[in-house]
C-alpha cells in the first residue's frame, strides 16, 4: 500500500463527522475536513514522519498527492512533513513549497 493510501485510511478510520462540520464552519466552509483534532491528527502520522526522516529525502510526489486531496488535514500533513524534514530543504525547493502556499491558503 502506498504512503498516501495508508495515511488516508488512518484519517478515515478516525474521522469525526460532527467535528468535521464544526471545523468546516470555522473555516467558512472553504475546506472539507475529516474532523480530526490537531493532537490526534499528529499522533496518527507521527511514526510515519519519523520514518520519512530516515529516508533522507523529501518525497515531493507524495506531498503533491496530499495537497491535491480535498480534506484539509492533508494540507496540514504537508506543512508538518516539511517542518519535520526542514533540515533536508534547500534553496532550490522554494518553488515547490511556494506552489503549496499559493494554493489552498
N, C-alpha and C. Protein backbone atom coordinates (compact mmCIF):
# COMPACT_ATOMS: atom_id res chain seq x y z
N UNK A 1 0.84 -1.18 0.00
CA UNK A 1 0.00 0.00 0.00
C UNK A 1 0.89 1.25 0.00
N UNK A 2 0.55 2.24 -0.82
CA UNK A 2 1.37 3.44 -0.88
C UNK A 2 1.13 4.34 0.34
N UNK A 3 2.03 5.30 0.52
CA UNK A 3 2.00 6.18 1.69
C UNK A 3 0.71 6.98 1.79
N UNK A 4 0.30 7.54 0.68
CA UNK A 4 -0.92 8.35 0.68
C UNK A 4 -2.13 7.53 1.11
N UNK A 5 -2.27 6.34 0.55
CA UNK A 5 -3.40 5.48 0.88
C UNK A 5 -3.37 5.08 2.34
N UNK A 6 -2.19 4.79 2.88
CA UNK A 6 -2.06 4.43 4.29
C UNK A 6 -2.53 5.58 5.19
N UNK A 7 -2.09 6.78 4.91
CA UNK A 7 -2.49 7.93 5.73
C UNK A 7 -3.99 8.19 5.57
N UNK A 8 -4.48 8.10 4.35
CA UNK A 8 -5.92 8.32 4.12
C UNK A 8 -6.75 7.32 4.92
N UNK A 9 -6.33 6.07 4.97
CA UNK A 9 -7.06 5.07 5.75
C UNK A 9 -7.02 5.41 7.24
N UNK A 10 -5.89 5.91 7.72
CA UNK A 10 -5.82 6.33 9.13
C UNK A 10 -6.78 7.47 9.40
N UNK A 11 -6.82 8.44 8.50
CA UNK A 11 -7.73 9.57 8.66
C UNK A 11 -9.19 9.11 8.62
N UNK A 12 -9.52 8.27 7.65
CA UNK A 12 -10.90 7.80 7.51
C UNK A 12 -11.34 7.02 8.75
N UNK A 13 -10.46 6.21 9.28
CA UNK A 13 -10.78 5.40 10.47
C UNK A 13 -11.04 6.29 11.68
N UNK A 14 -10.41 7.45 11.74
CA UNK A 14 -10.53 8.34 12.89
C UNK A 14 -11.40 9.56 12.64
N UNK A 15 -12.13 9.54 11.55
CA UNK A 15 -12.98 10.69 11.19
C UNK A 15 -14.07 10.90 12.24
N UNK A 16 -14.40 12.16 12.45
CA UNK A 16 -15.46 12.56 13.38
C UNK A 16 -16.34 13.55 12.63
N UNK A 17 -17.45 13.05 12.09
CA UNK A 17 -18.30 13.86 11.22
C UNK A 17 -18.83 15.11 11.93
N UNK A 18 -19.21 14.97 13.18
CA UNK A 18 -19.73 16.12 13.92
C UNK A 18 -18.65 17.21 14.04
N UNK A 19 -17.46 16.81 14.38
CA UNK A 19 -16.35 17.76 14.48
C UNK A 19 -15.96 18.31 13.11
N UNK A 20 -16.09 17.48 12.07
CA UNK A 20 -15.76 17.92 10.71
C UNK A 20 -16.66 19.09 10.30
N UNK A 21 -17.92 19.01 10.65
CA UNK A 21 -18.86 20.09 10.33
C UNK A 21 -18.46 21.37 11.05
N UNK A 22 -18.09 21.24 12.31
CA UNK A 22 -17.66 22.41 13.10
C UNK A 22 -16.39 23.03 12.53
N UNK A 23 -15.45 22.18 12.15
CA UNK A 23 -14.18 22.67 11.60
C UNK A 23 -14.41 23.39 10.27
N UNK A 24 -15.25 22.82 9.43
CA UNK A 24 -15.55 23.44 8.14
C UNK A 24 -16.24 24.78 8.34
N UNK A 25 -17.15 24.82 9.28
CA UNK A 25 -17.86 26.08 9.56
C UNK A 25 -16.87 27.15 10.05
N UNK A 26 -15.95 26.76 10.92
CA UNK A 26 -14.94 27.69 11.42
C UNK A 26 -14.10 28.27 10.28
N UNK A 27 -13.84 27.45 9.27
CA UNK A 27 -13.05 27.89 8.11
C UNK A 27 -13.96 28.41 6.98
N UNK A 28 -15.17 28.84 7.36
CA UNK A 28 -16.15 29.44 6.44
C UNK A 28 -16.47 28.53 5.26
N UNK A 29 -16.44 27.22 5.53
CA UNK A 29 -16.78 26.20 4.54
C UNK A 29 -15.93 26.26 3.27
N UNK A 30 -14.69 26.71 3.42
CA UNK A 30 -13.77 26.72 2.28
C UNK A 30 -13.11 25.35 2.08
N UNK A 31 -13.14 24.52 3.13
CA UNK A 31 -12.44 23.23 3.09
C UNK A 31 -13.30 22.13 3.68
N UNK A 32 -13.04 20.91 3.25
CA UNK A 32 -13.67 19.71 3.80
C UNK A 32 -12.70 19.12 4.82
N UNK A 33 -13.23 18.61 5.92
CA UNK A 33 -12.41 18.04 6.99
C UNK A 33 -12.84 16.62 7.31
N UNK A 34 -11.91 15.87 7.87
CA UNK A 34 -12.24 14.59 8.50
C UNK A 34 -12.74 14.82 9.92
N UNK A 35 -12.40 15.96 10.49
CA UNK A 35 -12.83 16.28 11.85
C UNK A 35 -11.88 15.77 12.91
N UNK A 36 -10.62 15.62 12.56
CA UNK A 36 -9.63 15.09 13.50
C UNK A 36 -8.90 16.27 14.15
N UNK A 37 -8.99 16.40 15.49
CA UNK A 37 -8.29 17.49 16.16
C UNK A 37 -6.77 17.36 16.00
N UNK A 38 -6.08 18.48 16.04
CA UNK A 38 -4.64 18.53 15.78
C UNK A 38 -3.83 17.52 16.58
N UNK A 39 -3.98 17.44 17.91
CA UNK A 39 -3.13 16.47 18.63
C UNK A 39 -3.33 15.03 18.16
N UNK A 40 -4.57 14.65 17.91
CA UNK A 40 -4.84 13.29 17.44
C UNK A 40 -4.31 13.10 16.03
N UNK A 41 -4.49 14.10 15.18
CA UNK A 41 -4.01 14.02 13.79
C UNK A 41 -2.51 13.81 13.77
N UNK A 42 -1.79 14.58 14.57
CA UNK A 42 -0.34 14.46 14.60
C UNK A 42 0.12 13.10 15.12
N UNK A 43 -0.64 12.53 16.06
CA UNK A 43 -0.32 11.18 16.54
C UNK A 43 -0.53 10.14 15.45
N UNK A 44 -1.53 10.37 14.61
CA UNK A 44 -1.84 9.40 13.55
C UNK A 44 -0.70 9.25 12.55
N UNK A 45 0.07 10.31 12.35
CA UNK A 45 1.16 10.19 11.38
C UNK A 45 2.54 10.51 11.95
N UNK A 46 2.65 10.57 13.26
CA UNK A 46 3.95 10.83 13.89
C UNK A 46 4.99 9.78 13.53
N UNK A 47 4.59 8.51 13.60
CA UNK A 47 5.52 7.43 13.27
C UNK A 47 5.91 7.48 11.79
N UNK A 48 4.97 7.85 10.96
CA UNK A 48 5.23 7.97 9.53
C UNK A 48 6.29 9.05 9.27
N UNK A 49 6.15 10.22 9.92
CA UNK A 49 7.12 11.30 9.71
C UNK A 49 8.51 10.91 10.19
N UNK A 50 8.58 10.17 11.29
CA UNK A 50 9.89 9.70 11.76
C UNK A 50 10.54 8.79 10.71
N UNK A 51 9.76 7.92 10.12
CA UNK A 51 10.27 7.03 9.08
C UNK A 51 10.72 7.79 7.84
N UNK A 52 9.97 8.82 7.49
CA UNK A 52 10.33 9.64 6.33
C UNK A 52 11.65 10.35 6.58
N UNK A 53 11.89 10.78 7.80
CA UNK A 53 13.15 11.45 8.13
C UNK A 53 14.35 10.55 7.93
N UNK A 54 14.16 9.26 8.15
CA UNK A 54 15.25 8.30 7.97
C UNK A 54 15.60 8.10 6.51
N UNK A 55 14.65 8.41 5.62
CA UNK A 55 14.90 8.25 4.19
C UNK A 55 15.86 9.30 3.63
N UNK A 56 16.03 10.40 4.37
CA UNK A 56 16.96 11.48 4.00
C UNK A 56 16.62 12.12 2.65
N UNK A 57 15.35 12.08 2.28
CA UNK A 57 14.91 12.72 1.04
C UNK A 57 13.46 13.16 1.20
N UNK A 58 13.08 14.19 0.50
CA UNK A 58 11.71 14.67 0.53
C UNK A 58 10.97 14.07 -0.65
N UNK A 59 9.83 13.48 -0.37
CA UNK A 59 9.00 12.85 -1.39
C UNK A 59 8.00 13.88 -1.93
N UNK A 60 8.41 14.64 -2.93
CA UNK A 60 7.57 15.70 -3.47
C UNK A 60 6.32 15.15 -4.15
N UNK A 61 6.40 13.97 -4.73
CA UNK A 61 5.23 13.35 -5.34
C UNK A 61 4.16 13.06 -4.30
N UNK A 62 4.58 12.53 -3.16
CA UNK A 62 3.66 12.26 -2.06
C UNK A 62 3.03 13.57 -1.57
N UNK A 63 3.85 14.59 -1.40
CA UNK A 63 3.34 15.88 -0.91
C UNK A 63 2.34 16.48 -1.90
N UNK A 64 2.63 16.38 -3.18
CA UNK A 64 1.69 16.88 -4.20
C UNK A 64 0.36 16.12 -4.11
N UNK A 65 0.45 14.81 -3.96
CA UNK A 65 -0.75 13.99 -3.86
C UNK A 65 -1.57 14.37 -2.63
N UNK A 66 -0.91 14.59 -1.52
CA UNK A 66 -1.60 15.01 -0.29
C UNK A 66 -2.26 16.37 -0.47
N UNK A 67 -1.55 17.29 -1.08
CA UNK A 67 -2.08 18.65 -1.22
C UNK A 67 -3.27 18.70 -2.16
N UNK A 68 -3.35 17.76 -3.08
CA UNK A 68 -4.49 17.72 -4.00
C UNK A 68 -5.74 17.13 -3.35
N UNK A 69 -5.58 16.42 -2.25
CA UNK A 69 -6.73 15.84 -1.57
C UNK A 69 -7.64 16.96 -1.07
N UNK A 70 -8.94 16.73 -1.12
CA UNK A 70 -9.89 17.77 -0.75
C UNK A 70 -9.98 18.00 0.76
N UNK A 71 -9.50 17.07 1.55
CA UNK A 71 -9.57 17.21 3.01
C UNK A 71 -8.41 18.06 3.54
N UNK A 72 -8.77 19.00 4.37
CA UNK A 72 -7.79 19.96 4.89
C UNK A 72 -6.70 19.29 5.71
N UNK A 73 -7.00 18.20 6.36
CA UNK A 73 -5.98 17.52 7.16
C UNK A 73 -4.76 17.13 6.33
N UNK A 74 -4.96 16.87 5.05
CA UNK A 74 -3.82 16.52 4.19
C UNK A 74 -2.92 17.73 3.94
N UNK A 75 -3.50 18.92 3.85
CA UNK A 75 -2.66 20.11 3.70
C UNK A 75 -1.87 20.36 4.98
N UNK A 76 -2.50 20.09 6.13
CA UNK A 76 -1.79 20.20 7.41
C UNK A 76 -0.65 19.19 7.47
N UNK A 77 -0.88 18.00 6.94
CA UNK A 77 0.17 16.98 6.91
C UNK A 77 1.36 17.47 6.09
N UNK A 78 1.11 18.10 4.96
CA UNK A 78 2.20 18.62 4.13
C UNK A 78 3.04 19.62 4.93
N UNK A 79 2.38 20.52 5.65
CA UNK A 79 3.11 21.51 6.46
C UNK A 79 3.92 20.82 7.55
N UNK A 80 3.33 19.84 8.22
CA UNK A 80 4.05 19.12 9.27
C UNK A 80 5.21 18.31 8.71
N UNK A 81 5.01 17.73 7.55
CA UNK A 81 6.06 16.95 6.88
C UNK A 81 7.26 17.86 6.59
N UNK A 82 6.99 19.01 5.99
CA UNK A 82 8.08 19.92 5.65
C UNK A 82 8.76 20.47 6.90
N UNK A 83 8.01 20.69 7.95
CA UNK A 83 8.62 21.14 9.22
C UNK A 83 9.50 20.05 9.81
N UNK A 84 9.03 18.81 9.77
CA UNK A 84 9.79 17.71 10.34
C UNK A 84 11.07 17.44 9.56
N UNK A 85 11.03 17.67 8.26
CA UNK A 85 12.19 17.39 7.41
C UNK A 85 12.88 18.68 6.95
N UNK A 86 12.72 19.74 7.70
CA UNK A 86 13.26 21.03 7.27
C UNK A 86 14.76 21.03 7.06
N UNK A 87 15.47 20.16 7.75
CA UNK A 87 16.93 20.11 7.57
C UNK A 87 17.31 19.60 6.18
N UNK A 88 16.37 18.96 5.49
CA UNK A 88 16.64 18.44 4.15
C UNK A 88 16.28 19.44 3.05
N UNK A 89 15.62 20.52 3.42
CA UNK A 89 15.20 21.52 2.44
C UNK A 89 16.39 22.36 1.99
N UNK A 90 16.33 22.75 0.73
CA UNK A 90 17.38 23.59 0.15
C UNK A 90 16.72 24.78 -0.56
N UNK A 91 17.54 25.75 -0.87
CA UNK A 91 17.05 26.93 -1.56
C UNK A 91 16.29 26.56 -2.83
N UNK A 92 16.74 25.53 -3.51
CA UNK A 92 16.12 25.10 -4.75
C UNK A 92 14.69 24.56 -4.56
N UNK A 93 14.32 24.27 -3.32
CA UNK A 93 12.99 23.75 -3.03
C UNK A 93 11.93 24.85 -2.90
N UNK A 94 12.34 26.09 -2.89
CA UNK A 94 11.39 27.19 -2.70
C UNK A 94 10.25 27.17 -3.72
N UNK A 95 10.49 26.96 -5.02
CA UNK A 95 9.35 26.92 -5.96
C UNK A 95 8.34 25.81 -5.63
N UNK A 96 8.83 24.66 -5.19
CA UNK A 96 7.93 23.57 -4.83
C UNK A 96 7.10 23.92 -3.61
N UNK A 97 7.71 24.58 -2.65
CA UNK A 97 6.99 25.00 -1.44
C UNK A 97 6.02 26.12 -1.76
N UNK A 98 6.44 27.02 -2.61
CA UNK A 98 5.61 28.16 -2.96
C UNK A 98 4.27 27.75 -3.60
N UNK A 99 4.30 26.68 -4.39
CA UNK A 99 3.04 26.25 -5.02
C UNK A 99 2.04 25.81 -3.96
N UNK A 100 2.52 25.29 -2.83
CA UNK A 100 1.60 24.94 -1.74
C UNK A 100 1.05 26.22 -1.10
N UNK A 101 1.90 27.21 -0.95
CA UNK A 101 1.49 28.46 -0.32
C UNK A 101 0.46 29.18 -1.19
N UNK A 102 0.66 29.13 -2.49
CA UNK A 102 -0.22 29.85 -3.42
C UNK A 102 -1.58 29.20 -3.59
N UNK A 103 -1.69 27.91 -3.30
CA UNK A 103 -2.96 27.20 -3.46
C UNK A 103 -3.49 26.80 -2.09
N UNK A 104 -4.79 26.84 -1.94
CA UNK A 104 -5.46 26.42 -0.71
C UNK A 104 -4.86 27.10 0.52
N UNK A 105 -4.74 28.40 0.45
CA UNK A 105 -4.10 29.16 1.54
C UNK A 105 -4.82 28.98 2.85
